Every structure is written in C-alpha cells, then in structure tokens.
Amino acid sequence: MSDEPDNLILRMLRDLRAEIGDMRSEMATKRDLVGLGAELRSEMHSLRADVASDIATLQAEDKTTRKELGDQIVGLRRAVMEYHSSVIGHGVLISELEARMRRVEQHLDLPALDPN
C-alpha cells in the first residue's frame, strides 16, 4: 500500500485534534460554572429581598392608599367593561347591516359583493 492514505488519515487526525483543542478553549470550566451559580444565587437573593421589601411596603401603607388603589382598579374595570360593551354593540350593528344588505341584494337579484 502507498503512503498517501496514511498521510491523509494522519492529517485528518491532526485537524480533528486541533478542532478539539479549539472546542476545549471555548468550553466553560467547572470554576466558571461555580462562579455563574454563585452569581445567580446572589441575584435570586437580591430579587427575593426586593420582593419582600415591596410586600412589606404595601402592608405598611395606610388604608387611604389602599382605597385609592382599589378605586383605580374599579375604574379600570368599569372602563374595560364599557369598551367591551361598545365593541360588542358595534359588532351587532355591523352584523345587522350585513344581513340587511344581503336581503336587498337578494330582492334586487344583485350578485353579492362578498365572494364568501
């Protein structure tokens, strides 16, 4: 056998070794992962402290602030319900107009404008 296949295989193995070396240099080490875990735990504790602080602040607020917040929520609900009923009302009007238009088209033997 000739030396070419051996050289080709040897070259391919060397290329593979170089690629593996590049991959290892890009991979995170255990130390990196431990550092990321510690950073994540620190951020979680900070977030928990912020949430606990917000809850304590809400509990410490007086009744007038809670009442104002409740009034705002009630107003928002009312506005959403009014908008919803208005939209439904428009939908009913449009449906009635479409039905009336269909009856006129049928009465006058006109082709429907809507291909559906």
C-alpha atoms as a PDB file:
ATOM      1  CA  MET A   1       0.000   0.000   0.000  1.00  0.00           C
ATOM      2  CA  SER A   2       1.079   3.530  -0.598  1.00  0.00           C
ATOM      3  CA  ASP A   3       1.860   6.219   1.977  1.00  0.00           C
ATOM      4  CA  GLU A   4      -0.946   8.526   0.800  1.00  0.00           C
ATOM      5  CA  PRO A   5      -3.826   7.018   2.834  1.00  0.00           C
ATOM      6  CA  ASP A   6      -1.671   7.045   5.991  1.00  0.00           C
ATOM      7  CA  ASN A   7      -0.752  10.691   5.410  1.00  0.00           C
ATOM      8  CA  LEU A   8      -4.372  11.574   4.709  1.00  0.00           C
ATOM      9  CA  ILE A   9      -5.549   9.858   7.883  1.00  0.00           C
ATOM     10  CA  LEU A  10      -2.723  11.427   9.874  1.00  0.00           C
ATOM     11  CA  ARG A  11      -3.659  14.882   8.516  1.00  0.00           C
ATOM     12  CA  MET A  12      -7.319  14.295   9.352  1.00  0.00           C
ATOM     13  CA  LEU A  13      -6.432  13.200  12.893  1.00  0.00           C
ATOM     14  CA  ARG A  14      -4.292  16.307  13.370  1.00  0.00           C
ATOM     15  CA  ASP A  15      -7.138  18.522  12.124  1.00  0.00           C
ATOM     16  CA  LEU A  16      -9.505  16.762  14.493  1.00  0.00           C
ATOM     17  CA  ARG A  17      -7.090  17.288  17.404  1.00  0.00           C
ATOM     18  CA  ALA A  18      -6.871  20.996  16.550  1.00  0.00           C
ATOM     19  CA  GLU A  19     -10.670  21.303  16.421  1.00  0.00           C
ATOM     20  CA  ILE A  20     -10.996  19.552  19.783  1.00  0.00           C
ATOM     21  CA  GLY A  21      -8.390  21.907  21.232  1.00  0.00           C
ATOM     22  CA  ASP A  22     -10.360  24.900  19.953  1.00  0.00           C
ATOM     23  CA  MET A  23     -13.556  23.497  21.457  1.00  0.00           C
ATOM     24  CA  ARG A  24     -11.858  22.962  24.822  1.00  0.00           C
ATOM     25  CA  SER A  25     -10.599  26.524  24.876  1.00  0.00           C
ATOM     26  CA  GLU A  26     -14.169  27.778  24.316  1.00  0.00           C
ATOM     27  CA  MET A  27     -15.822  25.474  26.870  1.00  0.00           C
ATOM     28  CA  ALA A  28     -16.611  26.710  30.362  1.00  0.00           C
ATOM     29  CA  THR A  29     -14.635  25.233  33.199  1.00  0.00           C
ATOM     30  CA  LYS A  30     -16.050  23.971  36.482  1.00  0.00           C
ATOM     31  CA  ARG A  31     -14.728  27.127  38.118  1.00  0.00           C
ATOM     32  CA  ASP A  32     -16.661  29.236  35.576  1.00  0.00           C
ATOM     33  CA  LEU A  33     -19.855  27.296  36.278  1.00  0.00           C
ATOM     34  CA  VAL A  34     -19.414  27.613  40.052  1.00  0.00           C
ATOM     35  CA  GLY A  35     -18.933  31.359  39.608  1.00  0.00           C
ATOM     36  CA  LEU A  36     -22.064  31.626  37.473  1.00  0.00           C
ATOM     37  CA  GLY A  37     -24.025  29.606  40.032  1.00  0.00           C
ATOM     38  CA  ALA A  38     -22.882  31.873  42.848  1.00  0.00           C
ATOM     39  CA  GLU A  39     -23.778  34.953  40.804  1.00  0.00           C
ATOM     40  CA  LEU A  40     -27.218  33.527  40.037  1.00  0.00           C
ATOM     41  CA  ARG A  41     -27.835  32.696  43.699  1.00  0.00           C
ATOM     42  CA  SER A  42     -26.794  36.212  44.663  1.00  0.00           C
ATOM     43  CA  GLU A  43     -29.207  37.728  42.138  1.00  0.00           C
ATOM     44  CA  MET A  44     -32.015  35.457  43.370  1.00  0.00           C
ATOM     45  CA  HIS A  45     -31.433  36.527  46.974  1.00  0.00           C
ATOM     46  CA  SER A  46     -31.413  40.155  45.893  1.00  0.00           C
ATOM     47  CA  LEU A  47     -34.662  39.676  43.978  1.00  0.00           C
ATOM     48  CA  ARG A  48     -36.270  37.945  46.960  1.00  0.00           C
ATOM     49  CA  ALA A  49     -35.199  40.809  49.206  1.00  0.00           C
ATOM     50  CA  ASP A  50     -36.681  43.347  46.755  1.00  0.00           C
ATOM     51  CA  VAL A  51     -39.988  41.471  46.592  1.00  0.00           C
ATOM     52  CA  ALA A  52     -40.116  41.103  50.380  1.00  0.00           C
ATOM     53  CA  SER A  53     -39.419  44.821  50.728  1.00  0.00           C
ATOM     54  CA  ASP A  54     -42.215  45.676  48.272  1.00  0.00           C
ATOM     55  CA  ILE A  55     -44.660  43.420  50.101  1.00  0.00           C
ATOM     56  CA  ALA A  56     -43.709  44.940  53.454  1.00  0.00           C
ATOM     57  CA  THR A  57     -44.178  48.429  51.990  1.00  0.00           C
ATOM     58  CA  LEU A  58     -47.613  47.510  50.656  1.00  0.00           C
ATOM     59  CA  GLN A  59     -48.625  46.057  54.013  1.00  0.00           C
ATOM     60  CA  ALA A  60     -47.360  49.128  55.841  1.00  0.00           C
ATOM     61  CA  GLU A  61     -49.273  51.602  53.674  1.00  0.00           C
ATOM     62  CA  ASP A  62     -52.330  53.152  55.251  1.00  0.00           C
ATOM     63  CA  LYS A  63     -55.912  52.369  54.314  1.00  0.00           C
ATOM     64  CA  THR A  64     -56.382  55.517  52.220  1.00  0.00           C
ATOM     65  CA  THR A  65     -53.669  54.456  49.800  1.00  0.00           C
ATOM     66  CA  ARG A  66     -55.230  51.012  49.529  1.00  0.00           C
ATOM     67  CA  LYS A  67     -58.626  52.614  48.985  1.00  0.00           C
ATOM     68  CA  GLU A  68     -57.199  54.827  46.216  1.00  0.00           C
ATOM     69  CA  LEU A  69     -55.628  51.779  44.595  1.00  0.00           C
ATOM     70  CA  GLY A  70     -58.926  49.888  44.884  1.00  0.00           C
ATOM     71  CA  ASP A  71     -60.780  52.835  43.345  1.00  0.00           C
ATOM     72  CA  GLN A  72     -58.338  52.894  40.445  1.00  0.00           C
ATOM     73  CA  ILE A  73     -58.863  49.172  39.876  1.00  0.00           C
ATOM     74  CA  VAL A  74     -62.652  49.605  39.972  1.00  0.00           C
ATOM     75  CA  GLY A  75     -62.395  52.487  37.477  1.00  0.00           C
ATOM     76  CA  LEU A  76     -60.219  50.410  35.194  1.00  0.00           C
ATOM     77  CA  ARG A  77     -62.678  47.503  35.325  1.00  0.00           C
ATOM     78  CA  ARG A  78     -65.555  49.859  34.529  1.00  0.00           C
ATOM     79  CA  ALA A  79     -63.665  51.359  31.564  1.00  0.00           C
ATOM     80  CA  VAL A  80     -62.857  47.899  30.185  1.00  0.00           C
ATOM     81  CA  MET A  81     -66.479  46.767  30.539  1.00  0.00           C
ATOM     82  CA  GLU A  82     -67.749  49.932  28.809  1.00  0.00           C
ATOM     83  CA  TYR A  83     -65.275  49.467  25.973  1.00  0.00           C
ATOM     84  CA  HIS A  84     -66.193  45.794  25.666  1.00  0.00           C
ATOM     85  CA  SER A  85     -69.917  46.519  25.528  1.00  0.00           C
ATOM     86  CA  SER A  86     -69.288  49.280  22.975  1.00  0.00           C
ATOM     87  CA  VAL A  87     -67.297  46.930  20.757  1.00  0.00           C
ATOM     88  CA  ILE A  88     -69.960  44.242  21.015  1.00  0.00           C
ATOM     89  CA  GLY A  89     -72.585  46.849  20.159  1.00  0.00           C
ATOM     90  CA  HIS A  90     -70.673  47.854  17.040  1.00  0.00           C
ATOM     91  CA  GLY A  91     -70.376  44.197  16.070  1.00  0.00           C
ATOM     92  CA  VAL A  92     -74.138  43.749  16.388  1.00  0.00           C
ATOM     93  CA  LEU A  93     -74.784  46.845  14.271  1.00  0.00           C
ATOM     94  CA  ILE A  94     -72.396  45.667  11.572  1.00  0.00           C
ATOM     95  CA  SER A  95     -73.987  42.188  11.550  1.00  0.00           C
ATOM     96  CA  GLU A  96     -77.457  43.733  11.193  1.00  0.00           C
ATOM     97  CA  LEU A  97     -76.272  45.948   8.325  1.00  0.00           C
ATOM     98  CA  GLU A  98     -74.695  42.961   6.570  1.00  0.00           C
ATOM     99  CA  ALA A  99     -77.906  40.958   6.894  1.00  0.00           C
ATOM    100  CA  ARG A 100     -79.930  43.883   5.562  1.00  0.00           C
ATOM    101  CA  MET A 101     -77.533  44.305   2.637  1.00  0.00           C
ATOM    102  CA  ARG A 102     -77.886  40.581   1.794  1.00  0.00           C
ATOM    103  CA  ARG A 103     -81.680  40.902   1.784  1.00  0.00           C
ATOM    104  CA  VAL A 104     -81.502  43.952  -0.540  1.00  0.00           C
ATOM    105  CA  GLU A 105     -79.116  42.121  -2.876  1.00  0.00           C
ATOM    106  CA  GLN A 106     -81.428  39.106  -2.981  1.00  0.00           C
ATOM    107  CA  HIS A 107     -84.507  41.268  -3.548  1.00  0.00           C
ATOM    108  CA  LEU A 108     -82.883  43.096  -6.463  1.00  0.00           C
ATOM    109  CA  ASP A 109     -81.196  39.917  -7.826  1.00  0.00           C
ATOM    110  CA  LEU A 110     -77.770  41.553  -7.492  1.00  0.00           C
ATOM    111  CA  PRO A 111     -74.607  39.497  -7.212  1.00  0.00           C
ATOM    112  CA  ALA A 112     -73.137  39.583  -3.725  1.00  0.00           C
ATOM    113  CA  LEU A 113     -70.116  41.843  -3.286  1.00  0.00           C
ATOM    114  CA  ASP A 114     -68.639  39.445  -0.780  1.00  0.00           C
ATOM    115  CA  PRO A 115     -67.312  36.327  -2.582  1.00  0.00           C
ATOM    116  CA  ASN A 116     -67.810  34.276   0.607  1.00  0.00           C
END
